């Protein structure tokens, strides 16, 4: 597939998780997941077996140490995207507060006039949200899923 035109298969898989309850460290569609669990679950559906299992993590991630663990894992397993064009299926990495580590993930849904992203967060589970200006300014990196591994 051409990553420049987006990945409708990724978007469809991610949308299949909408309504899954929030569960810290979970990654089972319909049962529970967090933002990383959503990306892990979509990976399993589209790419194949996970290349590594994340270690147990707390809700504050790696903030006390200031380590960009989530970003480093994304670089290891996803394809970095450059340029300004958001494509459907892109994995978005967010820094939720100035000076903090990047610790939220989402998957780009619609990218036209009303851009959106699919993500999981506490109290809401998996949902598709508008990629509004406040969200867009928190995006620090974009990645594409690799092709299916056979």
C-alpha atoms as a PDB file:
ATOM      1  CA  UNK A   1       0.000   0.000   0.000  1.00  0.00           C
ATOM      2  CA  UNK A   2       1.109   3.543  -0.652  1.00  0.00           C
ATOM      3  CA  UNK A   3       1.543   5.260   2.741  1.00  0.00           C
ATOM      4  CA  UNK A   4       1.173   8.674   1.075  1.00  0.00           C
ATOM      5  CA  UNK A   5      -2.463   7.852   0.239  1.00  0.00           C
ATOM      6  CA  UNK A   6      -3.191   6.538   3.693  1.00  0.00           C
ATOM      7  CA  UNK A   7      -4.147   3.207   5.143  1.00  0.00           C
ATOM      8  CA  UNK A   8      -7.922   2.659   5.089  1.00  0.00           C
ATOM      9  CA  UNK A   9      -7.302  -0.838   6.495  1.00  0.00           C
ATOM     10  CA  UNK A  10      -5.726   0.690   9.609  1.00  0.00           C
ATOM     11  CA  UNK A  11      -8.570   3.192  10.009  1.00  0.00           C
ATOM     12  CA  UNK A  12     -11.201   0.465   9.635  1.00  0.00           C
ATOM     13  CA  UNK A  13      -9.437  -1.737  12.189  1.00  0.00           C
ATOM     14  CA  UNK A  14      -9.089   1.156  14.652  1.00  0.00           C
ATOM     15  CA  UNK A  15     -12.752   2.097  14.243  1.00  0.00           C
ATOM     16  CA  UNK A  16     -13.625  -1.502  15.059  1.00  0.00           C
ATOM     17  CA  UNK A  17     -12.291  -0.799  18.565  1.00  0.00           C
ATOM     18  CA  UNK A  18     -14.625   2.181  19.180  1.00  0.00           C
ATOM     19  CA  UNK A  19     -16.632   1.526  22.317  1.00  0.00           C
ATOM     20  CA  UNK A  20     -13.959  -0.671  23.910  1.00  0.00           C
ATOM     21  CA  UNK A  21     -13.727   0.418  27.563  1.00  0.00           C
ATOM     22  CA  UNK A  22     -10.588   2.025  28.933  1.00  0.00           C
ATOM     23  CA  UNK A  23      -8.338  -0.427  30.752  1.00  0.00           C
ATOM     24  CA  UNK A  24      -4.822   0.606  31.768  1.00  0.00           C
ATOM     25  CA  UNK A  25      -2.329  -1.741  30.043  1.00  0.00           C
ATOM     26  CA  UNK A  26      -5.165  -3.617  28.283  1.00  0.00           C
ATOM     27  CA  UNK A  27      -5.105  -4.464  24.576  1.00  0.00           C
ATOM     28  CA  UNK A  28      -8.220  -6.555  23.885  1.00  0.00           C
ATOM     29  CA  UNK A  29     -10.919  -5.219  21.574  1.00  0.00           C
ATOM     30  CA  UNK A  30     -14.285  -5.135  23.300  1.00  0.00           C
ATOM     31  CA  UNK A  31     -12.752  -5.958  26.681  1.00  0.00           C
ATOM     32  CA  UNK A  32     -10.444  -3.026  27.444  1.00  0.00           C
ATOM     33  CA  UNK A  33      -7.423  -1.063  26.309  1.00  0.00           C
ATOM     34  CA  UNK A  34      -5.469   2.111  26.767  1.00  0.00           C
ATOM     35  CA  UNK A  35      -3.983   4.193  23.943  1.00  0.00           C
ATOM     36  CA  UNK A  36      -0.974   1.906  23.556  1.00  0.00           C
ATOM     37  CA  UNK A  37      -3.216  -1.143  23.731  1.00  0.00           C
ATOM     38  CA  UNK A  38      -5.284   0.209  20.835  1.00  0.00           C
ATOM     39  CA  UNK A  39      -2.182   0.566  18.653  1.00  0.00           C
ATOM     40  CA  UNK A  40      -0.952  -2.884  19.751  1.00  0.00           C
ATOM     41  CA  UNK A  41      -4.328  -4.447  18.931  1.00  0.00           C
ATOM     42  CA  UNK A  42      -4.502  -2.825  15.496  1.00  0.00           C
ATOM     43  CA  UNK A  43      -0.912  -4.002  14.891  1.00  0.00           C
ATOM     44  CA  UNK A  44      -1.927  -7.603  15.648  1.00  0.00           C
ATOM     45  CA  UNK A  45      -4.951  -7.360  13.342  1.00  0.00           C
ATOM     46  CA  UNK A  46      -3.126  -5.773  10.400  1.00  0.00           C
ATOM     47  CA  UNK A  47       0.611  -6.460  10.681  1.00  0.00           C
ATOM     48  CA  UNK A  48       0.802  -9.694  12.669  1.00  0.00           C
ATOM     49  CA  UNK A  49       2.369 -10.755  15.962  1.00  0.00           C
ATOM     50  CA  UNK A  50       3.730  -7.970  18.146  1.00  0.00           C
ATOM     51  CA  UNK A  51       7.499  -7.500  17.823  1.00  0.00           C
ATOM     52  CA  UNK A  52       7.866  -6.980  21.579  1.00  0.00           C
ATOM     53  CA  UNK A  53       5.643  -6.830  24.627  1.00  0.00           C
ATOM     54  CA  UNK A  54       5.815  -3.592  26.548  1.00  0.00           C
ATOM     55  CA  UNK A  55       6.946  -3.870  30.131  1.00  0.00           C
ATOM     56  CA  UNK A  56       4.455  -3.026  32.856  1.00  0.00           C
ATOM     57  CA  UNK A  57       4.052   0.728  33.004  1.00  0.00           C
ATOM     58  CA  UNK A  58       2.503   3.159  35.416  1.00  0.00           C
ATOM     59  CA  UNK A  59       0.075   5.896  34.462  1.00  0.00           C
ATOM     60  CA  UNK A  60       2.869   8.468  34.713  1.00  0.00           C
ATOM     61  CA  UNK A  61       4.883   6.458  32.136  1.00  0.00           C
ATOM     62  CA  UNK A  62       8.476   7.572  32.259  1.00  0.00           C
ATOM     63  CA  UNK A  63       7.855  11.103  33.437  1.00  0.00           C
ATOM     64  CA  UNK A  64       9.969  10.946  36.623  1.00  0.00           C
ATOM     65  CA  UNK A  65      13.018   9.906  34.567  1.00  0.00           C
ATOM     66  CA  UNK A  66      12.168  12.130  31.599  1.00  0.00           C
ATOM     67  CA  UNK A  67      12.708   9.228  29.200  1.00  0.00           C
ATOM     68  CA  UNK A  68      10.903   9.126  25.859  1.00  0.00           C
ATOM     69  CA  UNK A  69      10.166   5.396  26.076  1.00  0.00           C
ATOM     70  CA  UNK A  70       7.008   5.481  23.978  1.00  0.00           C
ATOM     71  CA  UNK A  71       8.706   7.529  21.266  1.00  0.00           C
ATOM     72  CA  UNK A  72      11.711   5.174  21.249  1.00  0.00           C
ATOM     73  CA  UNK A  73       9.423   2.154  20.859  1.00  0.00           C
ATOM     74  CA  UNK A  74       7.577   3.865  18.000  1.00  0.00           C
ATOM     75  CA  UNK A  75      10.880   4.517  16.217  1.00  0.00           C
ATOM     76  CA  UNK A  76      11.871   0.856  16.668  1.00  0.00           C
ATOM     77  CA  UNK A  77       8.695  -0.600  15.176  1.00  0.00           C
ATOM     78  CA  UNK A  78       6.829   1.997  13.120  1.00  0.00           C
ATOM     79  CA  UNK A  79       7.846   3.981  10.046  1.00  0.00           C
ATOM     80  CA  UNK A  80       8.583   7.661  10.810  1.00  0.00           C
ATOM     81  CA  UNK A  81       6.535  10.089   8.686  1.00  0.00           C
ATOM     82  CA  UNK A  82       7.718  13.535   7.674  1.00  0.00           C
ATOM     83  CA  UNK A  83       6.027  16.504   6.078  1.00  0.00           C
ATOM     84  CA  UNK A  84       2.830  18.266   6.925  1.00  0.00           C
ATOM     85  CA  UNK A  85       0.344  15.943   5.208  1.00  0.00           C
ATOM     86  CA  UNK A  86      -1.609  13.856   7.676  1.00  0.00           C
ATOM     87  CA  UNK A  87      -2.686  10.531   6.158  1.00  0.00           C
ATOM     88  CA  UNK A  88      -5.480   8.225   7.314  1.00  0.00           C
ATOM     89  CA  UNK A  89      -3.959   5.491   9.451  1.00  0.00           C
ATOM     90  CA  UNK A  90      -1.009   7.560  10.679  1.00  0.00           C
ATOM     91  CA  UNK A  91      -0.069   6.893  14.286  1.00  0.00           C
ATOM     92  CA  UNK A  92       0.059  10.187  16.168  1.00  0.00           C
ATOM     93  CA  UNK A  93       2.275  10.665  19.214  1.00  0.00           C
ATOM     94  CA  UNK A  94       1.190  13.402  21.611  1.00  0.00           C
ATOM     95  CA  UNK A  95       2.989  15.353  24.323  1.00  0.00           C
ATOM     96  CA  UNK A  96       0.207  16.213  26.730  1.00  0.00           C
ATOM     97  CA  UNK A  97       1.990  18.987  28.584  1.00  0.00           C
ATOM     98  CA  UNK A  98       4.912  21.293  27.887  1.00  0.00           C
ATOM     99  CA  UNK A  99       8.153  19.769  29.092  1.00  0.00           C
ATOM    100  CA  UNK A 100       6.579  16.356  29.711  1.00  0.00           C
ATOM    101  CA  UNK A 101       7.313  13.143  27.863  1.00  0.00           C
ATOM    102  CA  UNK A 102       5.198  12.088  24.897  1.00  0.00           C
ATOM    103  CA  UNK A 103       2.751   9.579  26.323  1.00  0.00           C
ATOM    104  CA  UNK A 104      -0.468   9.471  24.313  1.00  0.00           C
ATOM    105  CA  UNK A 105      -1.137   7.756  20.983  1.00  0.00           C
ATOM    106  CA  UNK A 106      -3.907   7.953  18.429  1.00  0.00           C
ATOM    107  CA  UNK A 107      -4.587   6.809  14.885  1.00  0.00           C
ATOM    108  CA  UNK A 108      -5.594   9.376  12.256  1.00  0.00           C
ATOM    109  CA  UNK A 109      -9.098   8.767  10.918  1.00  0.00           C
ATOM    110  CA  UNK A 110     -10.536  11.373   8.581  1.00  0.00           C
ATOM    111  CA  UNK A 111      -7.946  13.805   7.251  1.00  0.00           C
ATOM    112  CA  UNK A 112      -9.997  16.113   5.052  1.00  0.00           C
ATOM    113  CA  UNK A 113     -12.048  19.110   6.207  1.00  0.00           C
ATOM    114  CA  UNK A 114     -12.783  17.582   9.593  1.00  0.00           C
ATOM    115  CA  UNK A 115      -9.670  15.669  10.646  1.00  0.00           C
ATOM    116  CA  UNK A 116     -10.154  13.110  13.399  1.00  0.00           C
ATOM    117  CA  UNK A 117      -8.250  10.501  15.333  1.00  0.00           C
ATOM    118  CA  UNK A 118      -9.129   7.297  17.143  1.00  0.00           C
ATOM    119  CA  UNK A 119      -7.713   6.918  20.648  1.00  0.00           C
ATOM    120  CA  UNK A 120      -8.417   5.527  24.108  1.00  0.00           C
ATOM    121  CA  UNK A 121      -8.399   7.549  27.276  1.00  0.00           C
ATOM    122  CA  UNK A 122      -9.509   7.197  30.849  1.00  0.00           C
ATOM    123  CA  UNK A 123     -13.203   7.672  31.436  1.00  0.00           C
ATOM    124  CA  UNK A 124     -14.065   7.401  27.730  1.00  0.00           C
ATOM    125  CA  UNK A 125     -12.566   4.227  26.284  1.00  0.00           C
ATOM    126  CA  UNK A 126     -11.904   4.115  22.566  1.00  0.00           C
ATOM    127  CA  UNK A 127     -13.502   6.973  20.699  1.00  0.00           C
ATOM    128  CA  UNK A 128     -13.011   9.032  17.560  1.00  0.00           C
ATOM    129  CA  UNK A 129     -12.331  12.678  18.363  1.00  0.00           C
ATOM    130  CA  UNK A 130     -11.936  15.764  16.230  1.00  0.00           C
ATOM    131  CA  UNK A 131      -8.280  16.613  15.695  1.00  0.00           C
ATOM    132  CA  UNK A 132      -8.821  20.173  16.839  1.00  0.00           C
ATOM    133  CA  UNK A 133      -6.118  22.823  17.141  1.00  0.00           C
ATOM    134  CA  UNK A 134      -5.460  22.015  20.838  1.00  0.00           C
ATOM    135  CA  UNK A 135      -4.881  18.372  19.909  1.00  0.00           C
ATOM    136  CA  UNK A 136      -2.849  19.178  16.768  1.00  0.00           C
ATOM    137  CA  UNK A 137      -0.422  21.356  18.694  1.00  0.00           C
ATOM    138  CA  UNK A 138       0.348  18.419  20.995  1.00  0.00           C
ATOM    139  CA  UNK A 139       1.383  16.088  18.136  1.00  0.00           C
ATOM    140  CA  UNK A 140       5.166  15.649  18.308  1.00  0.00           C
ATOM    141  CA  UNK A 141       5.638  12.800  15.834  1.00  0.00           C
ATOM    142  CA  UNK A 142       3.799  10.784  13.192  1.00  0.00           C
ATOM    143  CA  UNK A 143       4.396   7.233  12.100  1.00  0.00           C
ATOM    144  CA  UNK A 144       2.987   4.702   9.643  1.00  0.00           C
ATOM    145  CA  UNK A 145       2.363   1.052  10.331  1.00  0.00           C
ATOM    146  CA  UNK A 146       4.716  -1.244   8.421  1.00  0.00           C
ATOM    147  CA  UNK A 147       3.314  -3.612   5.806  1.00  0.00           C
ATOM    148  CA  UNK A 148       1.907  -6.958   6.886  1.00  0.00           C
ATOM    149  CA  UNK A 149       4.505  -9.443   8.039  1.00  0.00           C
ATOM    150  CA  UNK A 150       3.979 -12.928   6.651  1.00  0.00           C
END
